[in-house]
Amino acid sequence: MLDGWRPPEVQAALLTAPGAAGFVEALPDRALHGRGVAVDVTLADRSGRVLPMPTPFDHFGPEAGLPYRGTDPGIRWRLGLLQKAMGRAGFLACRTEWWHFVDGRWDKHGAVAPRE
């Protein structure tokens, strides 16, 4: 698990990240991480070592998008495994970020409010 629910101030800070334009939702009430219905995940081996995937996490560029256009068969296989596992769990893949998945019923959930 790389990222999950984000408080509004974290979502706002991400807007200033280099290359984030077009990748990070600017409206807090529309940000799926801020509503608690999106996760960013990858695969790791049994020792916790993150396995090679198409790009590093939070790479804002076309290389991070789907479908994978690279030539590495291991990366292609791992990405397929991740997508199948998340799909079977009810998540939808994001076409611009291989690591980003949204609850398939996200529109049925209200926003998650932080506890004081």
PDB file of N, CA and C in Angstrom:
ATOM      1  N   MET A   1       0.856  -1.165   0.000  1.00  0.00           N
ATOM      2  CA  MET A   1       0.000   0.000   0.000  1.00  0.00           C
ATOM      3  C   MET A   1       0.900   1.225   0.000  1.00  0.00           C
ATOM      4  N   LEU A   2       0.730   2.056  -0.999  1.00  0.00           N
ATOM      5  CA  LEU A   2       1.550   3.252  -1.129  1.00  0.00           C
ATOM      6  C   LEU A   2       0.835   4.504  -0.632  1.00  0.00           C
ATOM      7  N   ASP A   3      -0.479   4.538  -0.828  1.00  0.00           N
ATOM      8  CA  ASP A   3      -1.254   5.711  -0.443  1.00  0.00           C
ATOM      9  C   ASP A   3      -2.715   5.299  -0.321  1.00  0.00           C
ATOM     10  N   GLY A   4      -3.438   5.981   0.541  1.00  0.00           N
ATOM     11  CA  GLY A   4      -4.857   5.701   0.739  1.00  0.00           C
ATOM     12  C   GLY A   4      -5.601   7.003   0.948  1.00  0.00           C
ATOM     13  N   TRP A   5      -6.330   7.093   2.061  1.00  0.00           N
ATOM     14  CA  TRP A   5      -7.076   8.313   2.357  1.00  0.00           C
ATOM     15  C   TRP A   5      -6.114   9.468   2.584  1.00  0.00           C
ATOM     16  N   ARG A   6      -6.488  10.630   2.047  1.00  0.00           N
ATOM     17  CA  ARG A   6      -5.673  11.836   2.226  1.00  0.00           C
ATOM     18  C   ARG A   6      -6.511  12.945   2.846  1.00  0.00           C
ATOM     19  N   PRO A   7      -5.984  13.594   3.873  1.00  0.00           N
ATOM     20  CA  PRO A   7      -6.680  14.765   4.402  1.00  0.00           C
ATOM     21  C   PRO A   7      -6.601  15.914   3.383  1.00  0.00           C
ATOM     22  N   PRO A   8      -7.516  16.869   3.459  1.00  0.00           N
ATOM     23  CA  PRO A   8      -7.556  17.960   2.478  1.00  0.00           C
ATOM     24  C   PRO A   8      -6.240  18.718   2.324  1.00  0.00           C
ATOM     25  N   GLU A   9      -5.514  18.939   3.423  1.00  0.00           N
ATOM     26  CA  GLU A   9      -4.263  19.707   3.315  1.00  0.00           C
ATOM     27  C   GLU A   9      -3.193  18.944   2.536  1.00  0.00           C
ATOM     28  N   VAL A  10      -3.190  17.627   2.626  1.00  0.00           N
ATOM     29  CA  VAL A  10      -2.238  16.825   1.847  1.00  0.00           C
ATOM     30  C   VAL A  10      -2.626  16.860   0.376  1.00  0.00           C
ATOM     31  N   GLN A  11      -3.910  16.729   0.088  1.00  0.00           N
ATOM     32  CA  GLN A  11      -4.385  16.807  -1.295  1.00  0.00           C
ATOM     33  C   GLN A  11      -4.006  18.149  -1.906  1.00  0.00           C
ATOM     34  N   ALA A  12      -4.178  19.229  -1.152  1.00  0.00           N
ATOM     35  CA  ALA A  12      -3.832  20.564  -1.644  1.00  0.00           C
ATOM     36  C   ALA A  12      -2.336  20.681  -1.906  1.00  0.00           C
ATOM     37  N   ALA A  13      -1.505  20.115  -1.036  1.00  0.00           N
ATOM     38  CA  ALA A  13      -0.052  20.179  -1.214  1.00  0.00           C
ATOM     39  C   ALA A  13       0.388  19.427  -2.464  1.00  0.00           C
ATOM     40  N   LEU A  14      -0.292  18.349  -2.798  1.00  0.00           N
ATOM     41  CA  LEU A  14       0.070  17.575  -3.985  1.00  0.00           C
ATOM     42  C   LEU A  14      -0.125  18.360  -5.274  1.00  0.00           C
ATOM     43  N   LEU A  15      -1.002  19.331  -5.249  1.00  0.00           N
ATOM     44  CA  LEU A  15      -1.253  20.132  -6.449  1.00  0.00           C
ATOM     45  C   LEU A  15      -0.025  20.903  -6.904  1.00  0.00           C
ATOM     46  N   THR A  16       0.905  21.160  -5.989  1.00  0.00           N
ATOM     47  CA  THR A  16       2.103  21.926  -6.334  1.00  0.00           C
ATOM     48  C   THR A  16       3.279  21.035  -6.725  1.00  0.00           C
ATOM     49  N   ALA A  17       3.088  19.721  -6.717  1.00  0.00           N
ATOM     50  CA  ALA A  17       4.174  18.806  -7.090  1.00  0.00           C
ATOM     51  C   ALA A  17       4.512  18.982  -8.567  1.00  0.00           C
ATOM     52  N   PRO A  18       5.800  18.939  -8.915  1.00  0.00           N
ATOM     53  CA  PRO A  18       6.183  19.068 -10.316  1.00  0.00           C
ATOM     54  C   PRO A  18       5.495  18.005 -11.176  1.00  0.00           C
ATOM     55  N   GLY A  19       4.867  18.450 -12.253  1.00  0.00           N
ATOM     56  CA  GLY A  19       4.212  17.536 -13.185  1.00  0.00           C
ATOM     57  C   GLY A  19       2.844  17.062 -12.761  1.00  0.00           C
ATOM     58  N   ALA A  20       2.329  17.556 -11.644  1.00  0.00           N
ATOM     59  CA  ALA A  20       1.057  17.052 -11.116  1.00  0.00           C
ATOM     60  C   ALA A  20      -0.166  17.549 -11.876  1.00  0.00           C
ATOM     61  N   ALA A  21      -0.030  18.630 -12.624  1.00  0.00           N
ATOM     62  CA  ALA A  21      -1.182  19.174 -13.348  1.00  0.00           C
ATOM     63  C   ALA A  21      -1.788  18.103 -14.247  1.00  0.00           C
ATOM     64  N   GLY A  22      -3.076  17.923 -14.127  1.00  0.00           N
ATOM     65  CA  GLY A  22      -3.772  16.918 -14.917  1.00  0.00           C
ATOM     66  C   GLY A  22      -3.782  15.542 -14.289  1.00  0.00           C
ATOM     67  N   PHE A  23      -2.992  15.341 -13.241  1.00  0.00           N
ATOM     68  CA  PHE A  23      -2.939  14.048 -12.567  1.00  0.00           C
ATOM     69  C   PHE A  23      -3.558  14.094 -11.175  1.00  0.00           C
ATOM     70  N   VAL A  24      -3.541  15.252 -10.536  1.00  0.00           N
ATOM     71  CA  VAL A  24      -4.049  15.387  -9.170  1.00  0.00           C
ATOM     72  C   VAL A  24      -5.327  16.213  -9.210  1.00  0.00           C
ATOM     73  N   GLU A  25      -6.372  15.702  -8.597  1.00  0.00           N
ATOM     74  CA  GLU A  25      -7.664  16.393  -8.579  1.00  0.00           C
ATOM     75  C   GLU A  25      -7.568  17.669  -7.748  1.00  0.00           C
ATOM     76  N   ALA A  26      -7.950  18.793  -8.353  1.00  0.00           N
ATOM     77  CA  ALA A  26      -7.852  20.088  -7.686  1.00  0.00           C
ATOM     78  C   ALA A  26      -9.005  20.362  -6.726  1.00  0.00           C
ATOM     79  N   LEU A  27     -10.162  19.796  -6.988  1.00  0.00           N
ATOM     80  CA  LEU A  27     -11.323  20.066  -6.142  1.00  0.00           C
ATOM     81  C   LEU A  27     -11.385  19.060  -5.006  1.00  0.00           C
ATOM     82  N   PRO A  28     -11.227  19.506  -3.758  1.00  0.00           N
ATOM     83  CA  PRO A  28     -11.173  18.577  -2.625  1.00  0.00           C
ATOM     84  C   PRO A  28     -12.373  17.640  -2.528  1.00  0.00           C
ATOM     85  N   ASP A  29     -13.567  18.127  -2.867  1.00  0.00           N
ATOM     86  CA  ASP A  29     -14.745  17.268  -2.750  1.00  0.00           C
ATOM     87  C   ASP A  29     -14.834  16.225  -3.859  1.00  0.00           C
ATOM     88  N   ARG A  30     -14.002  16.353  -4.888  1.00  0.00           N
ATOM     89  CA  ARG A  30     -13.981  15.370  -5.974  1.00  0.00           C
ATOM     90  C   ARG A  30     -12.781  14.433  -5.893  1.00  0.00           C
ATOM     91  N   ALA A  31     -11.825  14.742  -5.050  1.00  0.00           N
ATOM     92  CA  ALA A  31     -10.623  13.919  -4.929  1.00  0.00           C
ATOM     93  C   ALA A  31     -10.988  12.572  -4.314  1.00  0.00           C
ATOM     94  N   LEU A  32     -10.765  11.493  -5.052  1.00  0.00           N
ATOM     95  CA  LEU A  32     -11.176  10.169  -4.589  1.00  0.00           C
ATOM     96  C   LEU A  32     -10.362   9.689  -3.394  1.00  0.00           C
ATOM     97  N   HIS A  33      -9.086  10.055  -3.315  1.00  0.00           N
ATOM     98  CA  HIS A  33      -8.307   9.717  -2.115  1.00  0.00           C
ATOM     99  C   HIS A  33      -8.895  10.436  -0.902  1.00  0.00           C
ATOM    100  N   GLY A  34      -9.314  11.675  -1.085  1.00  0.00           N
ATOM    101  CA  GLY A  34      -9.899  12.450  -0.003  1.00  0.00           C
ATOM    102  C   GLY A  34     -11.259  11.941   0.438  1.00  0.00           C
ATOM    103  N   ARG A  35     -11.911  11.198  -0.422  1.00  0.00           N
ATOM    104  CA  ARG A  35     -13.201  10.592  -0.068  1.00  0.00           C
ATOM    105  C   ARG A  35     -13.015   9.200   0.519  1.00  0.00           C
ATOM    106  N   GLY A  36     -11.787   8.703   0.503  1.00  0.00           N
ATOM    107  CA  GLY A  36     -11.517   7.388   1.081  1.00  0.00           C
ATOM    108  C   GLY A  36     -11.890   6.225   0.188  1.00  0.00           C
ATOM    109  N   VAL A  37     -11.973   6.457  -1.129  1.00  0.00           N
ATOM    110  CA  VAL A  37     -12.390   5.387  -2.041  1.00  0.00           C
ATOM    111  C   VAL A  37     -11.316   5.019  -3.064  1.00  0.00           C
ATOM    112  N   ALA A  38     -10.106   5.545  -2.899  1.00  0.00           N
ATOM    113  CA  ALA A  38      -9.009   5.231  -3.813  1.00  0.00           C
ATOM    114  C   ALA A  38      -7.782   4.789  -3.024  1.00  0.00           C
ATOM    115  N   VAL A  39      -7.028   3.882  -3.629  1.00  0.00           N
ATOM    116  CA  VAL A  39      -5.769   3.421  -3.046  1.00  0.00           C
ATOM    117  C   VAL A  39      -4.706   3.379  -4.132  1.00  0.00           C
ATOM    118  N   ASP A  40      -3.472   3.555  -3.728  1.00  0.00           N
ATOM    119  CA  ASP A  40      -2.324   3.391  -4.609  1.00  0.00           C
ATOM    120  C   ASP A  40      -1.549   2.194  -4.085  1.00  0.00           C
ATOM    121  N   VAL A  41      -1.353   1.195  -4.933  1.00  0.00           N
ATOM    122  CA  VAL A  41      -0.718  -0.047  -4.505  1.00  0.00           C
ATOM    123  C   VAL A  41       0.288  -0.531  -5.539  1.00  0.00           C
ATOM    124  N   THR A  42       1.181  -1.384  -5.081  1.00  0.00           N
ATOM    125  CA  THR A  42       2.137  -2.043  -5.959  1.00  0.00           C
ATOM    126  C   THR A  42       2.338  -3.454  -5.431  1.00  0.00           C
ATOM    127  N   LEU A  43       3.262  -4.167  -6.021  1.00  0.00           N
ATOM    128  CA  LEU A  43       3.589  -5.518  -5.572  1.00  0.00           C
ATOM    129  C   LEU A  43       4.956  -5.530  -4.907  1.00  0.00           C
ATOM    130  N   ALA A  44       5.097  -6.401  -3.923  1.00  0.00           N
ATOM    131  CA  ALA A  44       6.373  -6.580  -3.228  1.00  0.00           C
ATOM    132  C   ALA A  44       6.611  -8.069  -3.041  1.00  0.00           C
ATOM    133  N   ASP A  45       7.877  -8.435  -2.858  1.00  0.00           N
ATOM    134  CA  ASP A  45       8.173  -9.843  -2.591  1.00  0.00           C
ATOM    135  C   ASP A  45       7.940 -10.136  -1.106  1.00  0.00           C
ATOM    136  N   ARG A  46       8.198 -11.356  -0.698  1.00  0.00           N
ATOM    137  CA  ARG A  46       7.917 -11.763   0.689  1.00  0.00           C
ATOM    138  C   ARG A  46       8.720 -10.996   1.726  1.00  0.00           C
ATOM    139  N   SER A  47       9.848 -10.451   1.323  1.00  0.00           N
ATOM    140  CA  SER A  47      10.655  -9.676   2.271  1.00  0.00           C
ATOM    141  C   SER A  47      10.252  -8.202   2.294  1.00  0.00           C
ATOM    142  N   GLY A  48       9.263  -7.833   1.480  1.00  0.00           N
ATOM    143  CA  GLY A  48       8.797  -6.456   1.445  1.00  0.00           C
ATOM    144  C   GLY A  48       9.467  -5.590   0.404  1.00  0.00           C
ATOM    145  N   ARG A  49      10.361  -6.173  -0.385  1.00  0.00           N
ATOM    146  CA  ARG A  49      11.049  -5.407  -1.432  1.00  0.00           C
ATOM    147  C   ARG A  49      10.072  -5.140  -2.576  1.00  0.00           C
ATOM    148  N   VAL A  50       9.902  -3.872  -2.919  1.00  0.00           N
ATOM    149  CA  VAL A  50       9.006  -3.493  -4.008  1.00  0.00           C
ATOM    150  C   VAL A  50       9.570  -4.026  -5.320  1.00  0.00           C
ATOM    151  N   LEU A  51       8.710  -4.655  -6.102  1.00  0.00           N
ATOM    152  CA  LEU A  51       9.118  -5.261  -7.365  1.00  0.00           C
ATOM    153  C   LEU A  51       9.070  -4.242  -8.506  1.00  0.00           C
ATOM    154  N   PRO A  52       9.904  -4.429  -9.522  1.00  0.00           N
ATOM    155  CA  PRO A  52       9.892  -3.500 -10.658  1.00  0.00           C
ATOM    156  C   PRO A  52       8.527  -3.462 -11.345  1.00  0.00           C
ATOM    157  N   MET A  53       8.072  -2.254 -11.599  1.00  0.00           N
ATOM    158  CA  MET A  53       6.810  -2.010 -12.290  1.00  0.00           C
ATOM    159  C   MET A  53       7.100  -1.013 -13.417  1.00  0.00           C
ATOM    160  N   PRO A  54       6.088  -0.605 -14.194  1.00  0.00           N
ATOM    161  CA  PRO A  54       6.363   0.241 -15.363  1.00  0.00           C
ATOM    162  C   PRO A  54       7.128   1.525 -15.071  1.00  0.00           C
ATOM    163  N   THR A  55       6.822   2.174 -13.948  1.00  0.00           N
ATOM    164  CA  THR A  55       7.500   3.415 -13.556  1.00  0.00           C
ATOM    165  C   THR A  55       7.573   3.449 -12.036  1.00  0.00           C
ATOM    166  N   PRO A  56       8.344   4.358 -11.476  1.00  0.00           N
ATOM    167  CA  PRO A  56       8.255   4.568 -10.034  1.00  0.00           C
ATOM    168  C   PRO A  56       6.862   5.089  -9.669  1.00  0.00           C
ATOM    169  N   PHE A  57       6.489   4.910  -8.415  1.00  0.00           N
ATOM    170  CA  PHE A  57       5.229   5.443  -7.893  1.00  0.00           C
ATOM    171  C   PHE A  57       5.205   6.955  -8.049  1.00  0.00           C
ATOM    172  N   ASP A  58       4.049   7.488  -8.394  1.00  0.00           N
ATOM    173  CA  ASP A  58       3.814   8.922  -8.589  1.00  0.00           C
ATOM    174  C   ASP A  58       4.658   9.517  -9.704  1.00  0.00           C
ATOM    175  N   HIS A  59       4.977   8.715 -10.706  1.00  0.00           N
ATOM    176  CA  HIS A  59       5.626   9.236 -11.913  1.00  0.00           C
ATOM    177  C   HIS A  59       4.530   9.856 -12.769  1.00  0.00           C
ATOM    178  N   PHE A  60       4.591  11.161 -12.959  1.00  0.00           N
ATOM    179  CA  PHE A  60       3.571  11.851 -13.745  1.00  0.00           C
ATOM    180  C   PHE A  60       4.043  11.953 -15.191  1.00  0.00           C
ATOM    181  N   GLY A  61       3.715  10.970 -15.972  1.00  0.00           N
ATOM    182  CA  GLY A  61       4.087  10.959 -17.377  1.00  0.00           C
ATOM    183  C   GLY A  61       3.373   9.839 -18.102  1.00  0.00           C
ATOM    184  N   PRO A  62       3.413   9.850 -19.413  1.00  0.00           N
ATOM    185  CA  PRO A  62       2.686   8.841 -20.189  1.00  0.00           C
ATOM    186  C   PRO A  62       3.165   7.409 -19.945  1.00  0.00           C
ATOM    187  N   GLU A  63       4.401   7.242 -19.502  1.00  0.00           N
ATOM    188  CA  GLU A  63       4.927   5.894 -19.239  1.00  0.00           C
ATOM    189  C   GLU A  63       4.178   5.193 -18.112  1.00  0.00           C
ATOM    190  N   ALA A  64       3.528   5.968 -17.246  1.00  0.00           N
ATOM    191  CA  ALA A  64       2.793   5.398 -16.110  1.00  0.00           C
ATOM    192  C   ALA A  64       1.397   4.926 -16.498  1.00  0.00           C
ATOM    193  N   GLY A  65       0.976   5.247 -17.708  1.00  0.00           N
ATOM    194  CA  GLY A  65      -0.381   4.921 -18.126  1.00  0.00           C
ATOM    195  C   GLY A  65      -0.566   3.495 -18.600  1.00  0.00           C
ATOM    196  N   LEU A  66      -1.833   3.158 -18.766  1.00  0.00           N
ATOM    197  CA  LEU A  66      -2.222   1.845 -19.278  1.00  0.00           C
ATOM    198  C   LEU A  66      -2.731   2.012 -20.706  1.00  0.00           C
ATOM    199  N   PRO A  67      -2.499   1.042 -21.554  1.00  0.00           N
ATOM    200  CA  PRO A  67      -1.805  -0.212 -21.278  1.00  0.00           C
ATOM    201  C   PRO A  67      -0.294  -0.011 -21.244  1.00  0.00           C
ATOM    202  N   TYR A  68       0.391  -0.966 -20.640  1.00  0.00           N
ATOM    203  CA  TYR A  68       1.855  -0.946 -20.566  1.00  0.00           C
ATOM    204  C   TYR A  68       2.420  -1.078 -21.974  1.00  0.00           C
ATOM    205  N   ARG A  69       3.305  -0.175 -22.346  1.00  0.00           N
ATOM    206  CA  ARG A  69       3.886  -0.185 -23.689  1.00  0.00           C
ATOM    207  C   ARG A  69       5.350  -0.615 -23.706  1.00  0.00           C
ATOM    208  N   GLY A  70       5.867  -0.996 -22.553  1.00  0.00           N
ATOM    209  CA  GLY A  70       7.260  -1.414 -22.475  1.00  0.00           C
ATOM    210  C   GLY A  70       7.460  -2.826 -22.991  1.00  0.00           C
ATOM    211  N   THR A  71       8.706  -3.264 -22.964  1.00  0.00           N
ATOM    212  CA  THR A  71       9.045  -4.578 -23.515  1.00  0.00           C
ATOM    213  C   THR A  71       9.433  -5.609 -22.466  1.00  0.00           C
ATOM    214  N   ASP A  72       9.494  -5.234 -21.195  1.00  0.00           N
ATOM    215  CA  ASP A  72       9.920  -6.164 -20.150  1.00  0.00           C
ATOM    216  C   ASP A  72       8.784  -7.139 -19.818  1.00  0.00           C
ATOM    217  N   PRO A  73       8.974  -8.442 -20.102  1.00  0.00           N
ATOM    218  CA  PRO A  73       7.898  -9.404 -19.847  1.00  0.00           C
ATOM    219  C   PRO A  73       7.580  -9.563 -18.358  1.00  0.00           C
ATOM    220  N   GLY A  74       8.572  -9.399 -17.485  1.00  0.00           N
ATOM    221  CA  GLY A  74       8.334  -9.494 -16.049  1.00  0.00           C
ATOM    222  C   GLY A  74       7.440  -8.373 -15.558  1.00  0.00           C
ATOM    223  N   ILE A  75       7.707  -7.168 -16.017  1.00  0.00           N
ATOM    224  CA  ILE A  75       6.869  -6.028 -15.643  1.00  0.00           C
ATOM    225  C   ILE A  75       5.459  -6.223 -16.185  1.00  0.00           C
ATOM    226  N   ARG A  76       5.349  -6.659 -17.422  1.00  0.00           N
ATOM    227  CA  ARG A  76       4.030  -6.895 -18.025  1.00  0.00           C
ATOM    228  C   ARG A  76       3.243  -7.917 -17.196  1.00  0.00           C
ATOM    229  N   TRP A  77       3.901  -8.999 -16.781  1.00  0.00           N
ATOM    230  CA  TRP A  77       3.235 -10.048 -16.004  1.00  0.00           C
ATOM    231  C   TRP A  77       2.802  -9.522 -14.632  1.00  0.00           C
ATOM    232  N   ARG A  78       3.708  -8.809 -13.942  1.00  0.00           N
ATOM    233  CA  ARG A  78       3.376  -8.277 -12.613  1.00  0.00           C
ATOM    234  C   ARG A  78       2.239  -7.262 -12.688  1.00  0.00           C
ATOM    235  N   LEU A  79       2.261  -6.417 -13.691  1.00  0.00           N
ATOM    236  CA  LEU A  79       1.190  -5.436 -13.841  1.00  0.00           C
ATOM    237  C   LEU A  79      -0.143  -6.139 -14.092  1.00  0.00           C
ATOM    238  N   GLY A  80      -0.132  -7.174 -14.923  1.00  0.00           N
ATOM    239  CA  GLY A  80      -1.354  -7.947 -15.156  1.00  0.00           C
ATOM    240  C   GLY A  80      -1.855  -8.609 -13.887  1.00  0.00           C
ATOM    241  N   LEU A  81      -0.934  -9.152 -13.096  1.00  0.00           N
ATOM    242  CA  LEU A  81      -1.299  -9.780 -11.825  1.00  0.00           C
ATOM    243  C   LEU A  81      -1.947  -8.765 -10.880  1.00  0.00           C
ATOM    244  N   LEU A  82      -1.345  -7.598 -10.763  1.00  0.00           N
ATOM    245  CA  LEU A  82      -1.888  -6.546  -9.902  1.00  0.00           C
ATOM    246  C   LEU A  82      -3.282  -6.132 -10.368  1.00  0.00           C
ATOM    247  N   GLN A  83      -3.441  -5.917 -11.666  1.00  0.00           N
ATOM    248  CA  GLN A  83      -4.740  -5.496 -12.189  1.00  0.00           C
ATOM    249  C   GLN A  83      -5.810  -6.566 -11.978  1.00  0.00           C
ATOM    250  N   LYS A  84      -5.465  -7.826 -12.180  1.00  0.00           N
ATOM    251  CA  LYS A  84      -6.436  -8.908 -11.967  1.00  0.00           C
ATOM    252  C   LYS A  84      -6.845  -9.000 -10.504  1.00  0.00           C
ATOM    253  N   ALA A  85      -5.862  -8.949  -9.608  1.00  0.00           N
ATOM    254  CA  ALA A  85      -6.162  -9.054  -8.175  1.00  0.00           C
ATOM    255  C   ALA A  85      -7.050  -7.903  -7.717  1.00  0.00           C
ATOM    256  N   MET A  86      -6.722  -6.704  -8.129  1.00  0.00           N
ATOM    257  CA  MET A  86      -7.519  -5.549  -7.714  1.00  0.00           C
ATOM    258  C   MET A  86      -8.905  -5.586  -8.353  1.00  0.00           C
ATOM    259  N   GLY A  87      -8.987  -6.009  -9.597  1.00  0.00           N
ATOM    260  CA  GLY A  87     -10.284  -6.130 -10.260  1.00  0.00           C
ATOM    261  C   GLY A  87     -11.179  -7.143  -9.571  1.00  0.00           C
ATOM    262  N   ARG A  88     -10.608  -8.272  -9.176  1.00  0.00           N
ATOM    263  CA  ARG A  88     -11.384  -9.295  -8.466  1.00  0.00           C
ATOM    264  C   ARG A  88     -11.861  -8.797  -7.105  1.00  0.00           C
ATOM    265  N   ALA A  89     -11.136  -7.843  -6.536  1.00  0.00           N
ATOM    266  CA  ALA A  89     -11.530  -7.264  -5.246  1.00  0.00           C
ATOM    267  C   ALA A  89     -12.522  -6.108  -5.415  1.00  0.00           C
ATOM    268  N   GLY A  90     -12.904  -5.818  -6.652  1.00  0.00           N
ATOM    269  CA  GLY A  90     -13.910  -4.789  -6.895  1.00  0.00           C
ATOM    270  C   GLY A  90     -13.376  -3.409  -7.202  1.00  0.00           C
ATOM    271  N   PHE A  91     -12.091  -3.310  -7.515  1.00  0.00           N
ATOM    272  CA  PHE A  91     -11.493  -2.015  -7.814  1.00  0.00           C
ATOM    273  C   PHE A  91     -11.359  -1.809  -9.317  1.00  0.00           C
ATOM    274  N   LEU A  92     -11.410  -0.561  -9.730  1.00  0.00           N
ATOM    275  CA  LEU A  92     -11.230  -0.168 -11.120  1.00  0.00           C
ATOM    276  C   LEU A  92      -9.846   0.444 -11.289  1.00  0.00           C
ATOM    277  N   ALA A  93      -9.180   0.123 -12.396  1.00  0.00           N
ATOM    278  CA  ALA A  93      -7.856   0.672 -12.680  1.00  0.00           C
ATOM    279  C   ALA A  93      -7.984   2.073 -13.270  1.00  0.00           C
ATOM    280  N   CYS A  94      -6.947   2.850 -13.079  1.00  0.00           N
ATOM    281  CA  CYS A  94      -6.864   4.202 -13.630  1.00  0.00           C
ATOM    282  C   CYS A  94      -6.025   4.146 -14.904  1.00  0.00           C
ATOM    283  N   ARG A  95      -6.458   4.777 -15.972  1.00  0.00           N
ATOM    284  CA  ARG A  95      -5.735   4.682 -17.243  1.00  0.00           C
ATOM    285  C   ARG A  95      -4.436   5.494 -17.273  1.00  0.00           C
ATOM    286  N   THR A  96      -4.267   6.451 -16.349  1.00  0.00           N
ATOM    287  CA  THR A  96      -3.066   7.288 -16.367  1.00  0.00           C
ATOM    288  C   THR A  96      -2.039   6.938 -15.299  1.00  0.00           C
ATOM    289  N   GLU A  97      -2.413   6.075 -14.334  1.00  0.00           N
ATOM    290  CA  GLU A  97      -1.508   5.707 -13.239  1.00  0.00           C
ATOM    291  C   GLU A  97      -1.679   4.222 -12.946  1.00  0.00           C
ATOM    292  N   TRP A  98      -0.697   3.409 -13.254  1.00  0.00           N
ATOM    293  CA  TRP A  98      -0.815   1.955 -13.084  1.00  0.00           C
ATOM    294  C   TRP A  98      -1.070   1.557 -11.633  1.00  0.00           C
ATOM    295  N   TRP A  99      -0.670   2.362 -10.662  1.00  0.00           N
ATOM    296  CA  TRP A  99      -0.753   2.035  -9.234  1.00  0.00           C
ATOM    297  C   TRP A  99      -2.079   2.454  -8.592  1.00  0.00           C
ATOM    298  N   HIS A 100      -2.888   3.232  -9.296  1.00  0.00           N
ATOM    299  CA  HIS A 100      -4.083   3.865  -8.721  1.00  0.00           C
ATOM    300  C   HIS A 100      -5.334   3.040  -9.020  1.00  0.00           C
ATOM    301  N   PHE A 101      -6.061   2.694  -7.958  1.00  0.00           N
ATOM    302  CA  PHE A 101      -7.290   1.911  -8.096  1.00  0.00           C
ATOM    303  C   PHE A 101      -8.394   2.566  -7.271  1.00  0.00           C
ATOM    304  N   VAL A 102      -9.602   2.496  -7.796  1.00  0.00           N
ATOM    305  CA  VAL A 102     -10.763   3.120  -7.169  1.00  0.00           C
ATOM    306  C   VAL A 102     -11.809   2.054  -6.887  1.00  0.00           C
ATOM    307  N   ASP A 103     -12.428   2.138  -5.727  1.00  0.00           N
ATOM    308  CA  ASP A 103     -13.529   1.242  -5.388  1.00  0.00           C
ATOM    309  C   ASP A 103     -14.568   1.321  -6.507  1.00  0.00           C
ATOM    310  N   GLY A 104     -14.949   0.176  -7.048  1.00  0.00           N
ATOM    311  CA  GLY A 104     -15.906   0.139  -8.144  1.00  0.00           C
ATOM    312  C   GLY A 104     -17.264   0.723  -7.801  1.00  0.00           C
ATOM    313  N   ARG A 105     -17.534   0.894  -6.530  1.00  0.00           N
ATOM    314  CA  ARG A 105     -18.799   1.501  -6.088  1.00  0.00           C
ATOM    315  C   ARG A 105     -18.534   2.839  -5.396  1.00  0.00           C
ATOM    316  N   TRP A 106     -17.499   3.546  -5.838  1.00  0.00           N
ATOM    317  CA  TRP A 106     -17.078   4.777  -5.176  1.00  0.00           C
ATOM    318  C   TRP A 106     -18.196   5.804  -5.074  1.00  0.00           C
ATOM    319  N   ASP A 107     -19.076   5.850  -6.069  1.00  0.00           N
ATOM    320  CA  ASP A 107     -20.125   6.859  -6.065  1.00  0.00           C
ATOM    321  C   ASP A 107     -21.242   6.561  -5.061  1.00  0.00           C
ATOM    322  N   LYS A 108     -21.194   5.406  -4.438  1.00  0.00           N
ATOM    323  CA  LYS A 108     -22.191   5.026  -3.429  1.00  0.00           C
ATOM    324  C   LYS A 108     -21.746   5.400  -2.018  1.00  0.00           C
ATOM    325  N   HIS A 109     -20.505   5.860  -1.882  1.00  0.00           N
ATOM    326  CA  HIS A 109     -19.939   6.183  -0.572  1.00  0.00           C
ATOM    327  C   HIS A 109     -19.890   7.690  -0.367  1.00  0.00           C
ATOM    328  N   GLY A 110     -20.137   8.119   0.841  1.00  0.00           N
ATOM    329  CA  GLY A 110     -19.954   9.522   1.190  1.00  0.00           C
ATOM    330  C   GLY A 110     -18.485   9.786   1.486  1.00  0.00           C
ATOM    331  N   ALA A 111     -18.154  11.039   1.649  1.00  0.00           N
ATOM    332  CA  ALA A 111     -16.776  11.406   1.969  1.00  0.00           C
ATOM    333  C   ALA A 111     -16.412  10.941   3.375  1.00  0.00           C
ATOM    334  N   VAL A 112     -15.145  10.614   3.556  1.00  0.00           N
ATOM    335  CA  VAL A 112     -14.633  10.224   4.868  1.00  0.00           C
ATOM    336  C   VAL A 112     -14.198  11.492   5.592  1.00  0.00           C
ATOM    337  N   ALA A 113     -14.726  11.700   6.771  1.00  0.00           N
ATOM    338  CA  ALA A 113     -14.367  12.885   7.555  1.00  0.00           C
ATOM    339  C   ALA A 113     -13.320  12.509   8.593  1.00  0.00           C
ATOM    340  N   PRO A 114     -12.299  13.362   8.775  1.00  0.00           N
ATOM    341  CA  PRO A 114     -11.292  13.069   9.802  1.00  0.00           C
ATOM    342  C   PRO A 114     -11.894  13.158  11.195  1.00  0.00           C
ATOM    343  N   ARG A 115     -11.353  12.367  12.094  1.00  0.00           N
ATOM    344  CA  ARG A 115     -11.780  12.430  13.497  1.00  0.00           C
ATOM    345  C   ARG A 115     -10.842  13.334  14.250  1.00  0.00           C
ATOM    346  N   GLU A 116     -11.391  14.141  15.090  1.00  0.00           N
ATOM    347  CA  GLU A 116     -10.580  15.056  15.903  1.00  0.00           C
ATOM    348  C   GLU A 116     -10.001  14.310  17.075  1.00  0.00           C
TER     349      GLU A 116
END
